Amino acid sequence: MEKELVEFVARALVDEPDGVEVTVVEGEKSTIVELKVADGDLGKVIGKQGRIAKAIRTILSAAGTKTGKRVVLEIID
């Protein structure tokens, strides 16, 4: 569920939707969602002062309450 959510939001924000890659690493108590975008789109996903990245993280943490796991978003160059 987290993968699809991040993929949907990221594709809506960037200029090159085909460059969006989302990988999910499951742990016992947490889930790590790794987001990779094209070089020119990195700023669009992070936003001014990290506001967009923070908003995506807030949505993920709300979605993670269903499973009882902590969800972490990592944006990778």
PDB file of N, CA and C in Angstrom:
ATOM      1  N   MET A   1       0.811  -1.191   0.000  1.00  0.00           N
ATOM      2  CA  MET A   1       0.000   0.000   0.000  1.00  0.00           C
ATOM      3  C   MET A   1       0.860   1.263   0.000  1.00  0.00           C
ATOM      4  N   GLU A   2       1.903   1.262   0.811  1.00  0.00           N
ATOM      5  CA  GLU A   2       2.784   2.436   0.890  1.00  0.00           C
ATOM      6  C   GLU A   2       3.463   2.711  -0.436  1.00  0.00           C
ATOM      7  N   LYS A   3       3.864   1.642  -1.113  1.00  0.00           N
ATOM      8  CA  LYS A   3       4.564   1.792  -2.386  1.00  0.00           C
ATOM      9  C   LYS A   3       3.683   2.509  -3.405  1.00  0.00           C
ATOM     10  N   GLU A   4       2.451   2.061  -3.534  1.00  0.00           N
ATOM     11  CA  GLU A   4       1.536   2.653  -4.490  1.00  0.00           C
ATOM     12  C   GLU A   4       1.233   4.110  -4.150  1.00  0.00           C
ATOM     13  N   LEU A   5       1.108   4.403  -2.870  1.00  0.00           N
ATOM     14  CA  LEU A   5       0.820   5.759  -2.415  1.00  0.00           C
ATOM     15  C   LEU A   5       1.956   6.720  -2.781  1.00  0.00           C
ATOM     16  N   VAL A   6       3.186   6.338  -2.466  1.00  0.00           N
ATOM     17  CA  VAL A   6       4.338   7.190  -2.768  1.00  0.00           C
ATOM     18  C   VAL A   6       4.513   7.330  -4.275  1.00  0.00           C
ATOM     19  N   GLU A   7       4.330   6.237  -4.995  1.00  0.00           N
ATOM     20  CA  GLU A   7       4.469   6.262  -6.449  1.00  0.00           C
ATOM     21  C   GLU A   7       3.446   7.209  -7.082  1.00  0.00           C
ATOM     22  N   PHE A   8       2.212   7.161  -6.610  1.00  0.00           N
ATOM     23  CA  PHE A   8       1.155   8.015  -7.134  1.00  0.00           C
ATOM     24  C   PHE A   8       1.461   9.489  -6.897  1.00  0.00           C
ATOM     25  N   VAL A   9       1.848   9.829  -5.678  1.00  0.00           N
ATOM     26  CA  VAL A   9       2.136  11.224  -5.326  1.00  0.00           C
ATOM     27  C   VAL A   9       3.359  11.718  -6.102  1.00  0.00           C
ATOM     28  N   ALA A  10       4.415  10.921  -6.152  1.00  0.00           N
ATOM     29  CA  ALA A  10       5.643  11.331  -6.824  1.00  0.00           C
ATOM     30  C   ALA A  10       5.418  11.527  -8.326  1.00  0.00           C
ATOM     31  N   ARG A  11       4.684  10.621  -8.950  1.00  0.00           N
ATOM     32  CA  ARG A  11       4.425  10.743 -10.390  1.00  0.00           C
ATOM     33  C   ARG A  11       3.619  11.997 -10.704  1.00  0.00           C
ATOM     34  N   ALA A  12       2.746  12.409  -9.777  1.00  0.00           N
ATOM     35  CA  ALA A  12       1.944  13.614  -9.992  1.00  0.00           C
ATOM     36  C   ALA A  12       2.792  14.880  -9.881  1.00  0.00           C
ATOM     37  N   LEU A  13       3.888  14.818  -9.146  1.00  0.00           N
ATOM     38  CA  LEU A  13       4.716  15.997  -8.896  1.00  0.00           C
ATOM     39  C   LEU A  13       5.797  16.241  -9.940  1.00  0.00           C
ATOM     40  N   VAL A  14       6.333  15.189 -10.524  1.00  0.00           N
ATOM     41  CA  VAL A  14       7.533  15.314 -11.361  1.00  0.00           C
ATOM     42  C   VAL A  14       7.202  15.535 -12.834  1.00  0.00           C
ATOM     43  N   ASP A  15       8.229  15.978 -13.593  1.00  0.00           N
ATOM     44  CA  ASP A  15       8.097  16.161 -15.030  1.00  0.00           C
ATOM     45  C   ASP A  15       8.275  14.846 -15.792  1.00  0.00           C
ATOM     46  N   GLU A  16       9.094  13.940 -15.228  1.00  0.00           N
ATOM     47  CA  GLU A  16       9.358  12.646 -15.866  1.00  0.00           C
ATOM     48  C   GLU A  16       8.792  11.519 -14.995  1.00  0.00           C
ATOM     49  N   PRO A  17       7.505  11.204 -15.138  1.00  0.00           N
ATOM     50  CA  PRO A  17       6.896  10.165 -14.294  1.00  0.00           C
ATOM     51  C   PRO A  17       7.520   8.781 -14.488  1.00  0.00           C
ATOM     52  N   ASP A  18       8.103   8.539 -15.670  1.00  0.00           N
ATOM     53  CA  ASP A  18       8.724   7.232 -15.916  1.00  0.00           C
ATOM     54  C   ASP A  18      10.016   7.057 -15.128  1.00  0.00           C
ATOM     55  N   GLY A  19      10.592   8.149 -14.626  1.00  0.00           N
ATOM     56  CA  GLY A  19      11.824   8.084 -13.857  1.00  0.00           C
ATOM     57  C   GLY A  19      11.623   7.806 -12.380  1.00  0.00           C
ATOM     58  N   VAL A  20      10.371   7.638 -11.963  1.00  0.00           N
ATOM     59  CA  VAL A  20      10.066   7.390 -10.547  1.00  0.00           C
ATOM     60  C   VAL A  20      10.225   5.906 -10.239  1.00  0.00           C
ATOM     61  N   GLU A  21      11.045   5.607  -9.225  1.00  0.00           N
ATOM     62  CA  GLU A  21      11.232   4.225  -8.768  1.00  0.00           C
ATOM     63  C   GLU A  21      11.009   4.185  -7.266  1.00  0.00           C
ATOM     64  N   VAL A  22      10.179   3.256  -6.818  1.00  0.00           N
ATOM     65  CA  VAL A  22       9.891   3.111  -5.394  1.00  0.00           C
ATOM     66  C   VAL A  22      10.231   1.689  -4.977  1.00  0.00           C
ATOM     67  N   THR A  23      11.035   1.581  -3.920  1.00  0.00           N
ATOM     68  CA  THR A  23      11.411   0.287  -3.377  1.00  0.00           C
ATOM     69  C   THR A  23      10.991   0.236  -1.907  1.00  0.00           C
ATOM     70  N   VAL A  24      10.453  -0.886  -1.477  1.00  0.00           N
ATOM     71  CA  VAL A  24      10.005  -1.035  -0.090  1.00  0.00           C
ATOM     72  C   VAL A  24      10.846  -2.102   0.585  1.00  0.00           C
ATOM     73  N   VAL A  25      11.394  -1.756   1.755  1.00  0.00           N
ATOM     74  CA  VAL A  25      12.168  -2.699   2.562  1.00  0.00           C
ATOM     75  C   VAL A  25      11.399  -2.915   3.860  1.00  0.00           C
ATOM     76  N   GLU A  26      10.913  -4.127   4.055  1.00  0.00           N
ATOM     77  CA  GLU A  26      10.112  -4.443   5.235  1.00  0.00           C
ATOM     78  C   GLU A  26      11.003  -4.898   6.382  1.00  0.00           C
ATOM     79  N   GLY A  27      10.735  -4.376   7.568  1.00  0.00           N
ATOM     80  CA  GLY A  27      11.407  -4.825   8.780  1.00  0.00           C
ATOM     81  C   GLY A  27      10.365  -5.309   9.768  1.00  0.00           C
ATOM     82  N   GLU A  28      10.816  -5.684  10.976  1.00  0.00           N
ATOM     83  CA  GLU A  28       9.866  -6.157  11.976  1.00  0.00           C
ATOM     84  C   GLU A  28       8.963  -5.042  12.481  1.00  0.00           C
ATOM     85  N   LYS A  29       9.576  -3.918  12.833  1.00  0.00           N
ATOM     86  CA  LYS A  29       8.813  -2.822  13.424  1.00  0.00           C
ATOM     87  C   LYS A  29       8.667  -1.616  12.505  1.00  0.00           C
ATOM     88  N   SER A  30       9.391  -1.621  11.394  1.00  0.00           N
ATOM     89  CA  SER A  30       9.305  -0.468  10.504  1.00  0.00           C
ATOM     90  C   SER A  30       9.397  -0.892   9.040  1.00  0.00           C
ATOM     91  N   THR A  31       8.943   0.003   8.195  1.00  0.00           N
ATOM     92  CA  THR A  31       9.007  -0.186   6.751  1.00  0.00           C
ATOM     93  C   THR A  31       9.732   1.010   6.166  1.00  0.00           C
ATOM     94  N   ILE A  32      10.725   0.757   5.323  1.00  0.00           N
ATOM     95  CA  ILE A  32      11.471   1.834   4.679  1.00  0.00           C
ATOM     96  C   ILE A  32      11.032   1.909   3.222  1.00  0.00           C
ATOM     97  N   VAL A  33      10.599   3.089   2.816  1.00  0.00           N
ATOM     98  CA  VAL A  33      10.187   3.323   1.435  1.00  0.00           C
ATOM     99  C   VAL A  33      11.257   4.200   0.797  1.00  0.00           C
ATOM    100  N   GLU A  34      11.934   3.667  -0.214  1.00  0.00           N
ATOM    101  CA  GLU A  34      12.993   4.410  -0.905  1.00  0.00           C
ATOM    102  C   GLU A  34      12.425   4.968  -2.200  1.00  0.00           C
ATOM    103  N   LEU A  35      12.577   6.278  -2.387  1.00  0.00           N
ATOM    104  CA  LEU A  35      12.063   6.957  -3.571  1.00  0.00           C
ATOM    105  C   LEU A  35      13.225   7.487  -4.388  1.00  0.00           C
ATOM    106  N   LYS A  36      13.250   7.109  -5.655  1.00  0.00           N
ATOM    107  CA  LYS A  36      14.290   7.566  -6.580  1.00  0.00           C
ATOM    108  C   LYS A  36      13.599   8.239  -7.757  1.00  0.00           C
ATOM    109  N   VAL A  37      14.036   9.479  -8.085  1.00  0.00           N
ATOM    110  CA  VAL A  37      13.456  10.216  -9.212  1.00  0.00           C
ATOM    111  C   VAL A  37      14.574  10.679 -10.131  1.00  0.00           C
ATOM    112  N   ALA A  38      14.217  11.180 -11.304  1.00  0.00           N
ATOM    113  CA  ALA A  38      15.198  11.722 -12.247  1.00  0.00           C
ATOM    114  C   ALA A  38      15.883  12.929 -11.613  1.00  0.00           C
ATOM    115  N   ASP A  39      17.121  13.203 -12.056  1.00  0.00           N
ATOM    116  CA  ASP A  39      17.924  14.279 -11.460  1.00  0.00           C
ATOM    117  C   ASP A  39      17.219  15.626 -11.439  1.00  0.00           C
ATOM    118  N   GLY A  40      16.552  15.997 -12.509  1.00  0.00           N
ATOM    119  CA  GLY A  40      15.895  17.290 -12.582  1.00  0.00           C
ATOM    120  C   GLY A  40      14.653  17.401 -11.720  1.00  0.00           C
ATOM    121  N   ASP A  41      14.122  16.271 -11.273  1.00  0.00           N
ATOM    122  CA  ASP A  41      12.884  16.268 -10.504  1.00  0.00           C
ATOM    123  C   ASP A  41      13.092  16.180  -8.996  1.00  0.00           C
ATOM    124  N   LEU A  42      14.320  16.080  -8.560  1.00  0.00           N
ATOM    125  CA  LEU A  42      14.599  15.912  -7.134  1.00  0.00           C
ATOM    126  C   LEU A  42      14.048  17.072  -6.307  1.00  0.00           C
ATOM    127  N   GLY A  43      14.234  18.281  -6.789  1.00  0.00           N
ATOM    128  CA  GLY A  43      13.748  19.457  -6.070  1.00  0.00           C
ATOM    129  C   GLY A  43      12.240  19.516  -5.975  1.00  0.00           C
ATOM    130  N   LYS A  44      11.555  18.993  -6.976  1.00  0.00           N
ATOM    131  CA  LYS A  44      10.092  19.002  -6.969  1.00  0.00           C
ATOM    132  C   LYS A  44       9.531  18.048  -5.929  1.00  0.00           C
ATOM    133  N   VAL A  45      10.238  16.966  -5.669  1.00  0.00           N
ATOM    134  CA  VAL A  45       9.784  15.995  -4.680  1.00  0.00           C
ATOM    135  C   VAL A  45      10.111  16.476  -3.260  1.00  0.00           C
ATOM    136  N   ILE A  46      11.217  17.179  -3.108  1.00  0.00           N
ATOM    137  CA  ILE A  46      11.611  17.672  -1.791  1.00  0.00           C
ATOM    138  C   ILE A  46      10.838  18.948  -1.453  1.00  0.00           C
ATOM    139  N   GLY A  47      10.737  19.872  -2.394  1.00  0.00           N
ATOM    140  CA  GLY A  47      10.004  21.110  -2.163  1.00  0.00           C
ATOM    141  C   GLY A  47      10.833  22.143  -1.429  1.00  0.00           C
ATOM    142  N   LYS A  48      10.292  23.349  -1.342  1.00  0.00           N
ATOM    143  CA  LYS A  48      10.986  24.424  -0.634  1.00  0.00           C
ATOM    144  C   LYS A  48      11.042  24.094   0.849  1.00  0.00           C
ATOM    145  N   GLN A  49      12.237  24.141   1.381  1.00  0.00           N
ATOM    146  CA  GLN A  49      12.505  23.836   2.788  1.00  0.00           C
ATOM    147  C   GLN A  49      11.975  22.458   3.192  1.00  0.00           C
ATOM    148  N   GLY A  50      11.859  21.546   2.217  1.00  0.00           N
ATOM    149  CA  GLY A  50      11.461  20.175   2.514  1.00  0.00           C
ATOM    150  C   GLY A  50       9.986  19.994   2.810  1.00  0.00           C
ATOM    151  N   ARG A  51       9.178  20.960   2.435  1.00  0.00           N
ATOM    152  CA  ARG A  51       7.747  20.899   2.780  1.00  0.00           C
ATOM    153  C   ARG A  51       7.017  19.744   2.108  1.00  0.00           C
ATOM    154  N   ILE A  52       7.302  19.501   0.843  1.00  0.00           N
ATOM    155  CA  ILE A  52       6.600  18.424   0.133  1.00  0.00           C
ATOM    156  C   ILE A  52       7.032  17.068   0.682  1.00  0.00           C
ATOM    157  N   ALA A  53       8.339  16.906   0.929  1.00  0.00           N
ATOM    158  CA  ALA A  53       8.833  15.649   1.503  1.00  0.00           C
ATOM    159  C   ALA A  53       8.207  15.412   2.872  1.00  0.00           C
ATOM    160  N   LYS A  54       8.079  16.468   3.655  1.00  0.00           N
ATOM    161  CA  LYS A  54       7.464  16.343   4.991  1.00  0.00           C
ATOM    162  C   LYS A  54       5.997  15.940   4.868  1.00  0.00           C
ATOM    163  N   ALA A  55       5.298  16.508   3.889  1.00  0.00           N
ATOM    164  CA  ALA A  55       3.888  16.168   3.677  1.00  0.00           C
ATOM    165  C   ALA A  55       3.732  14.703   3.268  1.00  0.00           C
ATOM    166  N   ILE A  56       4.621  14.225   2.394  1.00  0.00           N
ATOM    167  CA  ILE A  56       4.572  12.814   1.984  1.00  0.00           C
ATOM    168  C   ILE A  56       4.840  11.920   3.192  1.00  0.00           C
ATOM    169  N   ARG A  57       5.797  12.305   4.025  1.00  0.00           N
ATOM    170  CA  ARG A  57       6.101  11.522   5.226  1.00  0.00           C
ATOM    171  C   ARG A  57       4.910  11.492   6.190  1.00  0.00           C
ATOM    172  N   THR A  58       4.200  12.611   6.301  1.00  0.00           N
ATOM    173  CA  THR A  58       3.023  12.665   7.173  1.00  0.00           C
ATOM    174  C   THR A  58       1.936  11.728   6.664  1.00  0.00           C
ATOM    175  N   ILE A  59       1.711  11.716   5.356  1.00  0.00           N
ATOM    176  CA  ILE A  59       0.716  10.816   4.769  1.00  0.00           C
ATOM    177  C   ILE A  59       1.112   9.362   5.010  1.00  0.00           C
ATOM    178  N   LEU A  60       2.403   9.067   4.855  1.00  0.00           N
ATOM    179  CA  LEU A  60       2.890   7.697   5.073  1.00  0.00           C
ATOM    180  C   LEU A  60       2.723   7.254   6.521  1.00  0.00           C
ATOM    181  N   SER A  61       3.006   8.153   7.453  1.00  0.00           N
ATOM    182  CA  SER A  61       2.876   7.769   8.859  1.00  0.00           C
ATOM    183  C   SER A  61       1.411   7.523   9.210  1.00  0.00           C
ATOM    184  N   ALA A  62       0.501   8.288   8.613  1.00  0.00           N
ATOM    185  CA  ALA A  62      -0.920   8.055   8.829  1.00  0.00           C
ATOM    186  C   ALA A  62      -1.343   6.710   8.241  1.00  0.00           C
ATOM    187  N   ALA A  63      -0.828   6.387   7.071  1.00  0.00           N
ATOM    188  CA  ALA A  63      -1.147   5.098   6.441  1.00  0.00           C
ATOM    189  C   ALA A  63      -0.532   3.949   7.233  1.00  0.00           C
ATOM    190  N   GLY A  64       0.602   4.198   7.873  1.00  0.00           N
ATOM    191  CA  GLY A  64       1.280   3.159   8.638  1.00  0.00           C
ATOM    192  C   GLY A  64       0.589   2.808   9.936  1.00  0.00           C
ATOM    193  N   THR A  65      -0.290   3.662  10.421  1.00  0.00           N
ATOM    194  CA  THR A  65      -0.988   3.360  11.672  1.00  0.00           C
ATOM    195  C   THR A  65      -1.923   2.164  11.502  1.00  0.00           C
ATOM    196  N   LYS A  66      -2.362   1.908  10.282  1.00  0.00           N
ATOM    197  CA  LYS A  66      -3.207   0.739  10.024  1.00  0.00           C
ATOM    198  C   LYS A  66      -2.470  -0.559  10.327  1.00  0.00           C
ATOM    199  N   THR A  67      -1.214  -0.613   9.910  1.00  0.00           N
ATOM    200  CA  THR A  67      -0.430  -1.833  10.098  1.00  0.00           C
ATOM    201  C   THR A  67       0.286  -1.852  11.441  1.00  0.00           C
ATOM    202  N   GLY A  68       0.345  -0.706  12.113  1.00  0.00           N
ATOM    203  CA  GLY A  68       1.031  -0.633  13.396  1.00  0.00           C
ATOM    204  C   GLY A  68       2.536  -0.525  13.259  1.00  0.00           C
ATOM    205  N   LYS A  69       3.018  -0.315  12.033  1.00  0.00           N
ATOM    206  CA  LYS A  69       4.449  -0.180  11.796  1.00  0.00           C
ATOM    207  C   LYS A  69       4.812   1.270  11.554  1.00  0.00           C
ATOM    208  N   ARG A  70       6.054   1.597  11.827  1.00  0.00           N
ATOM    209  CA  ARG A  70       6.583   2.930  11.530  1.00  0.00           C
ATOM    210  C   ARG A  70       7.041   2.918  10.082  1.00  0.00           C
ATOM    211  N   VAL A  71       6.650   3.923   9.318  1.00  0.00           N
ATOM    212  CA  VAL A  71       7.013   4.001   7.911  1.00  0.00           C
ATOM    213  C   VAL A  71       7.967   5.165   7.717  1.00  0.00           C
ATOM    214  N   VAL A  72       9.120   4.904   7.079  1.00  0.00           N
ATOM    215  CA  VAL A  72      10.147   5.899   6.863  1.00  0.00           C
ATOM    216  C   VAL A  72      10.326   6.107   5.361  1.00  0.00           C
ATOM    217  N   LEU A  73      10.378   7.381   4.942  1.00  0.00           N
ATOM    218  CA  LEU A  73      10.608   7.699   3.527  1.00  0.00           C
ATOM    219  C   LEU A  73      12.045   8.177   3.364  1.00  0.00           C
ATOM    220  N   GLU A  74      12.754   7.558   2.435  1.00  0.00           N
ATOM    221  CA  GLU A  74      14.111   7.990   2.089  1.00  0.00           C
ATOM    222  C   GLU A  74      14.100   8.392   0.619  1.00  0.00           C
ATOM    223  N   ILE A  75      14.537   9.637   0.367  1.00  0.00           N
ATOM    224  CA  ILE A  75      14.633  10.120  -1.002  1.00  0.00           C
ATOM    225  C   ILE A  75      16.095   9.975  -1.431  1.00  0.00           C
ATOM    226  N   ILE A  76      16.331   9.204  -2.479  1.00  0.00           N
ATOM    227  CA  ILE A  76      17.673   8.839  -2.902  1.00  0.00           C
ATOM    228  C   ILE A  76      18.013   9.570  -4.185  1.00  0.00           C
ATOM    229  N   ASP A  77      19.264  10.057  -4.260  1.00  0.00           N
ATOM    230  CA  ASP A  77      19.755  10.711  -5.484  1.00  0.00           C
ATOM    231  C   ASP A  77      19.844   9.725  -6.614  1.00  0.00           C
TER     232      ASP A  77
END
